[in-house]
């Protein structure tokens, strides 16, 4: 793909990087051709997805704003638009051994155009951090009126969540959803430069849905005001949610500085109550040419160090860890030594594995590579799986399989049945990829748009959540 000169590198890669040979010669991602399927008798469970994938009428809708007016539901005092902003109108034994006997690897999302529109942002009226918010209780929320408000659909692109517009912390929950995920990897709808159509309504709707599945999010970038919008939505809804904020790192140093400044300004306004860390870069090392890996690693280490200095200058009420995210194969001891935490993208789909082996391979790859590297350095950065998941469809039949891997909703169900609860019990810190399909990735073909638990219209796919606890196996994180 030829990129506009204003967008020299995109924020997510595509599996095309892998199909084109980026991993073909990597012995750490063996072919699954020799793997034996221990669940061969369940072959009838692997239904092929339909072609072409059927999207709703709203699949490609893009809106520039929502129904809220600034006077009705404002951003927190001091929050401003930002570049391109549309007016806001509101370690251990393998727990999967019985189902495991092979290995494989992840895709590299081609970087989106996060780096455009280099105009400076003027942010004024900075105020202190948000006061502590009470967590929204579990179960169905009351549908009765509160004051002059009553329950109605949030006026976003997809109208699927009901709330009390007079009190956003009152909303109806979905009994099909369960809080089984340690975390979710989240990109707001339409938070894409240069268009920047992310809205507070859409993000609030997403926060309400995701709060019923997890208490943790990780983000990738800060363009299009997404950092402030997410923190605003968490505050408005009073859900129990913390976020690892993201700052994109690419080849344009001006854009890199802007991304970090957006995060700093959001922290000045919203404080740290709902922030768990800041991730500098996503797959920056993976995207670097083979001859430039060392340079890329050194640059990331320098960027993390300088951002820590900038954080310290804010005199925030707590010290936020600063880390980076990259492919599970990209981490080195040098990179780990410069990070407070490391986030590894680990995707069994790209190993061409049968779905029954996906959970076990994910655990083993993460342990043998990223956890091991973390343990080799004196600072012992906390290791996380930044992305893991399974696609449910493909734009074309020929890309619906990769080796023994099959894209489909039944396969996603198997992954849900075999990975999250076991990972929780084993104290693995992971972010499931991803809550919602992303139709803008259709430009990259194959399975790229179809990794969500929900489709792009926020309709839950035909899946059932298992029942388990997240935090019973997690001492911290």
Protein backbone atom coordinates (compact mmCIF):
# COMPACT_ATOMS: atom_id res chain seq x y z
CA UNK A 1 0.00 0.00 0.00
CA UNK A 2 1.35 3.44 -0.96
CA UNK A 3 0.97 5.86 1.93
CA UNK A 4 0.24 9.55 1.76
CA UNK A 5 3.40 11.47 2.63
CA UNK A 6 1.61 12.99 5.61
CA UNK A 7 1.06 9.51 7.01
CA UNK A 8 4.42 7.79 6.64
CA UNK A 9 3.45 4.87 8.83
CA UNK A 10 0.13 3.52 9.94
CA UNK A 11 -0.74 2.51 13.45
CA UNK A 12 -1.74 -1.08 12.84
CA UNK A 13 -0.32 -3.64 10.47
CA UNK A 14 -2.10 -6.27 8.44
CA UNK A 15 -1.60 -9.95 8.05
CA UNK A 16 -0.24 -9.12 4.61
CA UNK A 17 3.07 -8.49 6.36
CA UNK A 18 3.01 -12.09 7.48
CA UNK A 19 1.71 -13.59 4.28
CA UNK A 20 4.45 -11.76 2.36
CA UNK A 21 7.15 -13.63 4.21
CA UNK A 22 7.79 -11.55 7.29
CA UNK A 23 7.54 -14.63 9.46
CA UNK A 24 7.90 -17.42 6.95
CA UNK A 25 11.51 -18.05 7.85
CA UNK A 26 11.20 -17.54 11.58
CA UNK A 27 11.84 -20.83 13.35
CA UNK A 28 10.09 -19.50 16.45
CA UNK A 29 6.77 -19.74 14.62
CA UNK A 30 6.73 -23.35 13.42
CA UNK A 31 4.27 -24.67 10.93
CA UNK A 32 1.40 -26.60 12.43
CA UNK A 33 1.37 -29.11 9.58
CA UNK A 34 2.71 -31.87 11.81
CA UNK A 35 0.35 -31.11 14.65
CA UNK A 36 -2.25 -33.73 15.45
CA UNK A 37 -5.75 -32.51 16.22
CA UNK A 38 -6.77 -34.02 19.58
CA UNK A 39 -10.41 -33.11 18.85
CA UNK A 40 -10.76 -34.67 15.40
CA UNK A 41 -14.14 -36.10 16.37
CA UNK A 42 -15.43 -32.56 16.72
CA UNK A 43 -14.75 -31.66 13.10
CA UNK A 44 -18.45 -31.02 12.53
CA UNK A 45 -18.17 -28.06 14.92
CA UNK A 46 -16.05 -26.12 12.42
CA UNK A 47 -18.60 -24.49 10.17
CA UNK A 48 -17.22 -22.26 7.44
CA UNK A 49 -18.24 -18.60 7.62
CA UNK A 50 -20.62 -17.35 4.98
CA UNK A 51 -19.34 -15.35 2.00
CA UNK A 52 -19.35 -12.52 1.64
CA UNK A 53 -19.68 -11.51 5.30
CA UNK A 54 -23.01 -9.82 5.82
CA UNK A 55 -22.84 -6.33 7.31
CA UNK A 56 -25.74 -4.23 8.45
CA UNK A 57 -26.87 -1.09 6.70
CA UNK A 58 -24.96 1.01 9.20
CA UNK A 59 -21.70 -0.82 8.75
CA UNK A 60 -20.08 1.99 6.82
CA UNK A 61 -21.83 4.94 8.40
CA UNK A 62 -19.60 7.73 9.59
CA UNK A 63 -20.98 10.50 11.72
CA UNK A 64 -19.27 13.70 12.70
CA UNK A 65 -21.05 14.22 15.98
CA UNK A 66 -23.68 12.91 18.33
CA UNK A 67 -26.91 14.28 19.70
CA UNK A 68 -25.50 15.85 22.82
CA UNK A 69 -24.99 19.55 23.02
CA UNK A 70 -22.03 21.06 24.81
CA UNK A 71 -24.34 22.63 27.36
CA UNK A 72 -26.17 19.37 28.06
CA UNK A 73 -23.23 17.02 28.58
CA UNK A 74 -19.91 18.86 28.39
CA UNK A 75 -16.44 17.44 28.47
CA UNK A 76 -14.62 17.93 31.74
CA UNK A 77 -13.57 21.53 32.20
CA UNK A 78 -10.38 22.18 30.28
CA UNK A 79 -10.87 19.36 27.78
CA UNK A 80 -10.58 20.57 24.21
CA UNK A 81 -10.94 19.37 20.69
CA UNK A 82 -7.51 18.33 19.50
CA UNK A 83 -6.34 17.75 15.97
CA UNK A 84 -9.17 17.12 13.54
CA UNK A 85 -11.66 16.96 16.38
CA UNK A 86 -15.36 17.09 15.58
CA UNK A 87 -17.45 19.20 17.91
CA UNK A 88 -18.40 17.07 20.88
CA UNK A 89 -22.11 16.98 21.38
CA UNK A 90 -21.79 14.95 24.26
CA UNK A 91 4.70 -18.48 34.90
CA UNK A 92 4.06 -21.96 35.78
CA UNK A 93 2.56 -25.31 34.65
CA UNK A 94 0.83 -25.08 31.30
CA UNK A 95 -2.90 -25.15 32.14
CA UNK A 96 -3.73 -26.02 28.53
CA UNK A 97 -1.47 -29.06 28.12
CA UNK A 98 -4.34 -31.44 27.39
CA UNK A 99 -5.30 -29.47 24.29
CA UNK A 100 -1.87 -28.43 23.10
CA UNK A 101 0.80 -29.80 20.79
CA UNK A 102 2.00 -27.13 18.32
CA UNK A 103 2.89 -23.47 17.77
CA UNK A 104 2.40 -20.33 15.47
CA UNK A 105 2.22 -16.38 15.55
CA UNK A 106 0.44 -13.04 15.20
CA UNK A 107 -0.36 -10.55 12.51
CA UNK A 108 1.11 -7.10 12.31
CA UNK A 109 -1.63 -4.50 11.85
CA UNK A 110 -0.53 -2.03 9.15
CA UNK A 111 -0.21 1.29 10.81
CA UNK A 112 -3.22 3.53 10.40
CA UNK A 113 -2.92 7.17 9.44
CA UNK A 114 -2.43 8.43 12.97
CA UNK A 115 0.26 10.84 12.03
CA UNK A 116 -1.53 13.43 9.91
CA UNK A 117 -2.67 16.96 10.57
CA UNK A 118 0.34 18.43 12.29
CA UNK A 119 -1.34 21.61 13.52
CA UNK A 120 -0.54 22.51 17.11
CA UNK A 121 -3.25 22.05 19.71
CA UNK A 122 -4.06 24.76 22.20
CA UNK A 123 -5.41 23.32 25.42
CA UNK A 124 -6.61 25.72 28.07
CA UNK A 125 -8.49 25.75 31.29
CA UNK A 126 -6.55 22.87 32.78
CA UNK A 127 -8.01 21.80 36.08
CA UNK A 128 -7.29 19.15 38.67
CA UNK A 129 -8.09 15.45 38.48
CA UNK A 130 -11.56 14.03 38.53
CA UNK A 131 -13.09 13.27 41.90
CA UNK A 132 -13.38 9.58 42.70
CA UNK A 133 -16.33 7.89 41.04
CA UNK A 134 -18.42 5.12 42.50
CA UNK A 135 -18.30 1.93 40.43
CA UNK A 136 -21.49 0.92 38.70
CA UNK A 137 -22.93 -2.17 40.38
CA UNK A 138 -23.40 -5.43 38.49
CA UNK A 139 -26.64 -6.83 37.15
CA UNK A 140 -29.40 -5.00 35.35
CA UNK A 141 -29.70 -1.33 36.16
CA UNK A 142 -33.05 0.19 36.93
CA UNK A 143 -35.16 1.28 33.99
CA UNK A 144 -37.19 3.66 36.13
CA UNK A 145 -37.01 7.39 35.64
CA UNK A 146 -34.57 9.47 37.65
CA UNK A 147 -35.58 13.09 38.02
CA UNK A 148 -36.72 14.35 34.63
CA UNK A 149 -34.80 11.66 32.71
CA UNK A 150 -35.92 8.25 31.50
CA UNK A 151 -34.22 5.28 29.91
CA UNK A 152 -33.64 5.68 26.18
CA UNK A 153 -31.17 4.55 23.56
CA UNK A 154 -27.90 6.44 23.41
CA UNK A 155 -28.03 8.45 20.21
CA UNK A 156 -24.89 7.06 18.61
CA UNK A 157 -24.10 5.38 15.32
CA UNK A 158 -25.48 2.10 16.68
CA UNK A 159 -28.42 2.45 19.04
CA UNK A 160 -28.01 -0.64 21.22
CA UNK A 161 -27.62 0.65 24.80
CA UNK A 162 -30.29 2.31 26.92
CA UNK A 163 -29.42 4.83 29.60
CA UNK A 164 -30.78 7.77 31.51
CA UNK A 165 -29.47 10.82 29.62
CA UNK A 166 -29.93 12.90 32.75
CA UNK A 167 -27.64 10.52 34.64
CA UNK A 168 -25.26 8.51 32.42
CA UNK A 169 -24.35 6.24 35.34
CA UNK A 170 -27.83 4.70 35.06
CA UNK A 171 -27.96 2.25 32.16
CA UNK A 172 -29.40 -1.11 31.25
CA UNK A 173 -27.04 -4.06 31.21
CA UNK A 174 -26.97 -7.05 28.86
CA UNK A 175 -27.44 -10.39 30.61
CA UNK A 176 -25.46 -12.16 27.87
CA UNK A 177 -22.26 -10.36 28.84
CA UNK A 178 -20.00 -11.51 31.67
CA UNK A 179 -16.85 -9.93 33.15
CA UNK A 180 -14.53 -12.76 32.07
CA UNK A 181 -11.66 -10.83 30.44
CA UNK A 182 -8.62 -9.46 32.23
CA UNK A 183 -8.71 -6.62 29.70
CA UNK A 184 -9.80 -5.59 26.22
CA UNK A 185 -7.76 -3.95 23.44
CA UNK A 186 -9.87 -1.01 22.32
CA UNK A 187 -9.88 1.38 19.38
CA UNK A 188 -12.80 3.85 19.40
CA UNK A 189 -15.01 3.91 16.33
CA UNK A 190 -13.82 6.41 13.73
CA UNK A 191 -10.84 7.62 15.78
CA UNK A 192 -8.91 7.78 12.55
CA UNK A 193 -7.03 10.74 11.12
CA UNK A 194 -7.54 12.82 9.12
CA UNK A 195 -11.32 12.35 9.49
CA UNK A 196 -11.54 12.16 13.30
CA UNK A 197 -15.19 11.24 13.67
CA UNK A 198 -14.96 9.79 17.18
CA UNK A 199 -17.84 11.02 19.35
CA UNK A 200 -18.60 10.99 23.04
CA UNK A 201 -21.91 9.20 22.46
CA UNK A 202 -20.32 6.33 20.57
CA UNK A 203 -17.49 5.96 23.06
CA UNK A 204 -19.89 6.13 26.01
CA UNK A 205 -21.93 3.32 24.46
CA UNK A 206 -18.76 1.26 24.03
CA UNK A 207 -17.64 1.93 27.60
CA UNK A 208 -20.99 0.72 28.93
CA UNK A 209 -20.75 -2.48 26.88
CA UNK A 210 -17.10 -3.14 27.71
CA UNK A 211 -17.60 -2.46 31.42
CA UNK A 212 -19.79 -5.56 31.49
CA UNK A 213 -16.90 -7.68 30.15
CA UNK A 214 -13.81 -6.24 31.87
CA UNK A 215 -12.47 -3.56 34.19
CA UNK A 216 -9.39 -2.82 32.05
CA UNK A 217 -8.71 -1.38 28.60
CA UNK A 218 -5.59 -0.75 26.58
CA UNK A 219 -5.50 1.87 23.86
CA UNK A 220 -3.17 2.38 20.91
CA UNK A 221 -2.97 6.11 20.22
CA UNK A 222 -4.19 9.51 21.33
CA UNK A 223 -5.26 11.20 18.08
CA UNK A 224 -8.79 12.50 17.46
CA UNK A 225 -9.21 13.35 21.13
CA UNK A 226 -9.80 9.69 21.94
CA UNK A 227 -7.90 9.78 25.24
CA UNK A 228 -10.03 12.56 26.68
CA UNK A 229 -13.25 11.09 25.30
CA UNK A 230 -12.60 7.68 26.85
CA UNK A 231 -11.73 9.16 30.25
CA UNK A 232 -14.76 11.45 30.04
CA UNK A 233 -17.06 8.50 29.28
CA UNK A 234 -15.66 6.48 32.17
CA UNK A 235 -16.27 9.42 34.49
CA UNK A 236 -19.78 10.07 33.20
CA UNK A 237 -20.88 6.45 33.53
CA UNK A 238 -19.06 5.84 36.83
CA UNK A 239 -18.05 2.34 35.72
CA UNK A 240 -15.18 0.44 37.32
CA UNK A 241 -12.60 0.87 34.55
CA UNK A 242 -8.92 1.70 34.24
CA UNK A 243 -7.00 2.31 31.03
CA UNK A 244 -3.49 1.84 29.74
CA UNK A 245 -3.33 4.91 27.52
CA UNK A 246 -1.44 4.78 24.23
CA UNK A 247 0.88 7.12 22.35
CA UNK A 248 1.71 6.19 18.78
CA UNK A 249 5.35 5.99 17.71
CA UNK A 250 6.30 6.11 14.05
CA UNK A 251 8.90 7.60 11.76
CA UNK A 252 7.65 11.18 12.14
CA UNK A 253 9.13 12.63 15.31
CA UNK A 254 6.74 15.59 15.25
CA UNK A 255 3.76 13.26 15.30
CA UNK A 256 5.35 11.20 18.06
CA UNK A 257 5.75 14.31 20.20
CA UNK A 258 2.14 15.33 19.52
CA UNK A 259 0.84 11.93 20.55
CA UNK A 260 2.66 12.11 23.85
CA UNK A 261 1.53 15.69 24.45
CA UNK A 262 -2.11 14.67 23.93
CA UNK A 263 -1.71 12.05 26.67
CA UNK A 264 -0.05 14.53 29.03
CA UNK A 265 -2.82 17.09 28.51
CA UNK A 266 -5.48 14.46 29.18
CA UNK A 267 -3.74 13.52 32.42
CA UNK A 268 -3.65 17.17 33.50
CA UNK A 269 -7.40 17.38 33.01
CA UNK A 270 -8.63 13.95 34.09
CA UNK A 271 -6.01 12.86 36.58
CA UNK A 272 -4.86 9.30 37.17
CA UNK A 273 -7.76 7.63 38.97
CA UNK A 274 -8.69 5.67 35.86
CA UNK A 275 -5.24 5.32 34.31
CA UNK A 276 -2.99 2.30 34.90
CA UNK A 277 -0.10 3.14 32.59
CA UNK A 278 1.01 4.70 29.32
CA UNK A 279 2.14 2.57 26.38
CA UNK A 280 4.64 4.21 24.05
CA UNK A 281 4.39 2.63 20.61
CA UNK A 282 2.73 -0.44 19.14
CA UNK A 283 4.80 -2.85 17.02
CA UNK A 284 7.39 -0.19 16.26
CA UNK A 285 10.21 -2.73 16.40
CA UNK A 286 8.31 -5.28 14.32
CA UNK A 287 7.75 -2.69 11.61
CA UNK A 288 11.40 -1.66 11.45
CA UNK A 289 13.57 -3.11 8.72
CA UNK A 290 15.73 -6.03 9.81
CA UNK A 291 18.84 -3.86 9.64
CA UNK A 292 17.20 -1.18 11.81
CA UNK A 293 15.88 -3.25 14.73
CA UNK A 294 18.60 -2.12 17.14
CA UNK A 295 18.05 1.52 16.23
CA UNK A 296 14.29 1.11 16.73
CA UNK A 297 14.78 -0.49 20.14
CA UNK A 298 17.14 2.26 21.28
CA UNK A 299 14.70 4.92 20.08
CA UNK A 300 11.81 3.34 21.98
CA UNK A 301 13.88 3.14 25.15
CA UNK A 302 14.74 6.84 24.78
CA UNK A 303 11.10 7.75 24.14
CA UNK A 304 9.94 5.89 27.25
CA UNK A 305 12.60 7.61 29.36
CA UNK A 306 11.74 11.08 28.11
CA UNK A 307 8.03 10.46 28.67
CA UNK A 308 8.71 9.43 32.27
CA UNK A 309 10.49 12.74 32.74
CA UNK A 310 7.48 14.58 31.32
CA UNK A 311 5.15 12.65 33.63
CA UNK A 312 7.27 13.50 36.66
CA UNK A 313 7.01 17.19 35.80
CA UNK A 314 3.22 16.97 36.15
CA UNK A 315 3.46 16.01 39.84
CA UNK A 316 0.62 13.55 39.45
CA UNK A 317 -0.79 11.89 42.59
CA UNK A 318 0.66 8.52 41.58
CA UNK A 319 3.56 7.30 39.48
CA UNK A 320 2.32 5.80 36.22
CA UNK A 321 4.34 2.97 34.67
CA UNK A 322 5.53 3.52 31.10
CA UNK A 323 5.93 0.59 28.73
CA UNK A 324 5.66 -0.45 25.12
CA UNK A 325 3.74 -2.97 23.02
CA UNK A 326 5.16 -5.08 20.21
CA UNK A 327 4.98 -8.47 18.57
CA UNK A 328 5.72 -11.28 20.98
CA UNK A 329 8.87 -12.11 19.01
CA UNK A 330 10.19 -8.52 19.01
CA UNK A 331 11.18 -8.08 22.64
CA UNK A 332 14.81 -8.12 23.71
CA UNK A 333 16.48 -7.66 27.07
CA UNK A 334 17.51 -4.14 26.03
CA UNK A 335 13.91 -3.18 25.29
CA UNK A 336 12.60 -4.87 28.42
CA UNK A 337 15.22 -3.14 30.57
CA UNK A 338 13.92 0.23 29.38
CA UNK A 339 10.27 -0.52 30.13
CA UNK A 340 8.19 -0.65 33.28
CA UNK A 341 5.99 -3.20 31.52
CA UNK A 342 6.00 -5.01 28.19
CA UNK A 343 2.91 -5.84 26.16
CA UNK A 344 3.27 -8.69 23.67
CA UNK A 345 0.90 -9.29 20.76
CA UNK A 346 0.42 -13.08 20.59
CA UNK A 347 -1.95 -14.46 17.93
CA UNK A 348 -2.28 -18.23 17.37
CA UNK A 349 -4.24 -17.66 14.15
CA UNK A 350 -1.07 -16.70 12.32
CA UNK A 351 0.63 -19.94 13.29
CA UNK A 352 -1.93 -21.79 11.19
CA UNK A 353 -3.03 -23.73 14.26
CA UNK A 354 -6.24 -25.68 14.70
CA UNK A 355 -8.36 -23.80 17.18
CA UNK A 356 -8.14 -26.56 19.78
CA UNK A 357 -4.42 -25.86 20.14
CA UNK A 358 -4.67 -22.05 20.16
CA UNK A 359 -5.01 -21.48 23.90
CA UNK A 360 -2.11 -23.75 24.82
CA UNK A 361 0.18 -22.26 22.22
CA UNK A 362 -0.64 -18.72 23.33
CA UNK A 363 0.31 -19.54 26.92
CA UNK A 364 3.50 -21.36 25.97
CA UNK A 365 4.75 -18.77 23.48
CA UNK A 366 4.19 -15.93 25.93
CA UNK A 367 5.91 -17.80 28.77
CA UNK A 368 8.92 -18.97 26.75
CA UNK A 369 9.53 -15.62 25.06
CA UNK A 370 8.16 -12.55 26.77
CA UNK A 371 7.87 -13.72 30.39
CA UNK A 372 11.33 -15.25 30.08
CA UNK A 373 12.81 -12.01 28.74
CA UNK A 374 11.19 -10.01 31.52
CA UNK A 375 12.76 -12.32 34.09
CA UNK A 376 16.22 -11.86 32.58
CA UNK A 377 16.51 -8.14 33.36
CA UNK A 378 16.95 -6.54 36.75
CA UNK A 379 13.92 -4.24 36.60
CA UNK A 380 11.55 -7.19 35.90
CA UNK A 381 8.97 -5.29 33.78
CA UNK A 382 5.47 -6.66 34.18
CA UNK A 383 4.62 -8.81 31.13
CA UNK A 384 1.20 -8.56 29.51
CA UNK A 385 -0.34 -10.12 26.43
CA UNK A 386 -1.39 -6.99 24.56
CA UNK A 387 -3.50 -8.79 21.96
CA UNK A 388 -4.83 -12.30 21.53
CA UNK A 389 -8.02 -13.43 19.86
CA UNK A 390 -9.55 -15.21 16.88
CA UNK A 391 -11.19 -13.91 13.67
CA UNK A 392 -14.75 -14.88 12.80
CA UNK A 393 -14.90 -14.32 9.03
CA UNK A 394 -12.95 -13.32 5.95
CA UNK A 395 -13.66 -11.03 3.05
CA UNK A 396 -12.80 -13.86 0.65
CA UNK A 397 -13.05 -17.67 0.99
CA UNK A 398 -9.38 -18.23 0.20
CA UNK A 399 -8.32 -16.17 3.22
CA UNK A 400 -10.75 -17.82 5.65
CA UNK A 401 -8.17 -20.50 6.41
CA UNK A 402 -4.49 -20.30 7.22
CA UNK A 403 -2.95 -23.73 7.50
CA UNK A 404 -5.18 -25.56 9.95
CA UNK A 405 -6.66 -22.33 11.30
CA UNK A 406 -10.25 -21.57 10.31
CA UNK A 407 -11.92 -18.19 10.77
CA UNK A 408 -15.41 -18.54 12.15
CA UNK A 409 -17.79 -17.89 15.01
CA UNK A 410 -17.68 -21.55 16.17
CA UNK A 411 -13.91 -21.26 16.37
CA UNK A 412 -14.21 -18.07 18.40
CA UNK A 413 -16.52 -19.93 20.77
CA UNK A 414 -13.86 -22.61 21.28
CA UNK A 415 -11.26 -19.93 22.03
CA UNK A 416 -13.60 -18.32 24.55
CA UNK A 417 -14.21 -21.72 26.14
CA UNK A 418 -10.51 -22.57 26.39
CA UNK A 419 -8.52 -19.39 26.95
CA UNK A 420 -9.89 -16.54 29.13
CA UNK A 421 -10.95 -18.47 32.22
CA UNK A 422 -7.82 -20.63 32.18
CA UNK A 423 -5.63 -17.55 31.71
CA UNK A 424 -7.39 -15.86 34.62
CA UNK A 425 -6.79 -18.85 36.88
CA UNK A 426 -3.13 -18.90 35.84
CA UNK A 427 -2.64 -15.18 36.60
CA UNK A 428 -1.88 -14.23 33.00
CA UNK A 429 -2.38 -10.54 32.28
CA UNK A 430 -3.92 -10.29 28.81
CA UNK A 431 -6.04 -7.98 26.67
CA UNK A 432 -8.50 -9.72 24.41
CA UNK A 433 -8.43 -8.53 20.81
CA UNK A 434 -10.98 -7.18 20.25
CA UNK A 435 -14.43 -6.09 21.40
CA UNK A 436 -15.74 -4.77 18.07
CA UNK A 437 -15.22 -5.44 14.36
CA UNK A 438 -13.46 -2.60 12.53
CA UNK A 439 -14.81 -2.16 8.97
CA UNK A 440 -12.14 0.41 8.01
CA UNK A 441 -9.69 -2.49 7.86
CA UNK A 442 -11.48 -3.91 4.83
CA UNK A 443 -8.85 -2.10 2.78
CA UNK A 444 -6.37 -4.73 3.99
CA UNK A 445 -8.55 -7.71 3.02
CA UNK A 446 -8.75 -11.18 4.50
CA UNK A 447 -9.78 -11.53 8.12
CA UNK A 448 -8.64 -8.05 9.15
CA UNK A 449 -12.08 -6.46 9.80
CA UNK A 450 -13.54 -9.41 11.72
CA UNK A 451 -11.85 -9.93 15.08
CA UNK A 452 -14.64 -8.54 17.28
CA UNK A 453 -16.88 -10.16 19.85
CA UNK A 454 -19.46 -7.75 18.43
CA UNK A 455 -19.92 -6.73 14.82
CA UNK A 456 -19.29 -3.12 13.86
CA UNK A 457 -22.92 -2.23 14.69
CA UNK A 458 -22.33 -3.40 18.27
CA UNK A 459 -24.44 -6.54 17.78
CA UNK A 460 -23.07 -9.47 19.78
CA UNK A 461 -22.04 -12.37 17.59
CA UNK A 462 -23.57 -15.80 18.15
CA UNK A 463 -21.35 -16.63 21.12
CA UNK A 464 -21.86 -17.54 24.76
CA UNK A 465 -19.58 -16.31 27.50
CA UNK A 466 -18.25 -18.91 29.94
CA UNK A 467 -18.56 -18.24 33.65
CA UNK A 468 -15.44 -17.46 35.66
CA UNK A 469 -13.78 -14.84 37.80
CA UNK A 470 -10.96 -12.62 36.62
CA UNK A 471 -9.31 -11.32 39.76
CA UNK A 472 -9.30 -14.50 41.84
CA UNK A 473 -6.07 -15.49 40.11
CA UNK A 474 -4.53 -12.02 39.87
CA UNK A 475 -2.65 -10.58 42.79
CA UNK A 476 -2.05 -7.29 41.03
CA UNK A 477 -1.94 -5.63 37.63
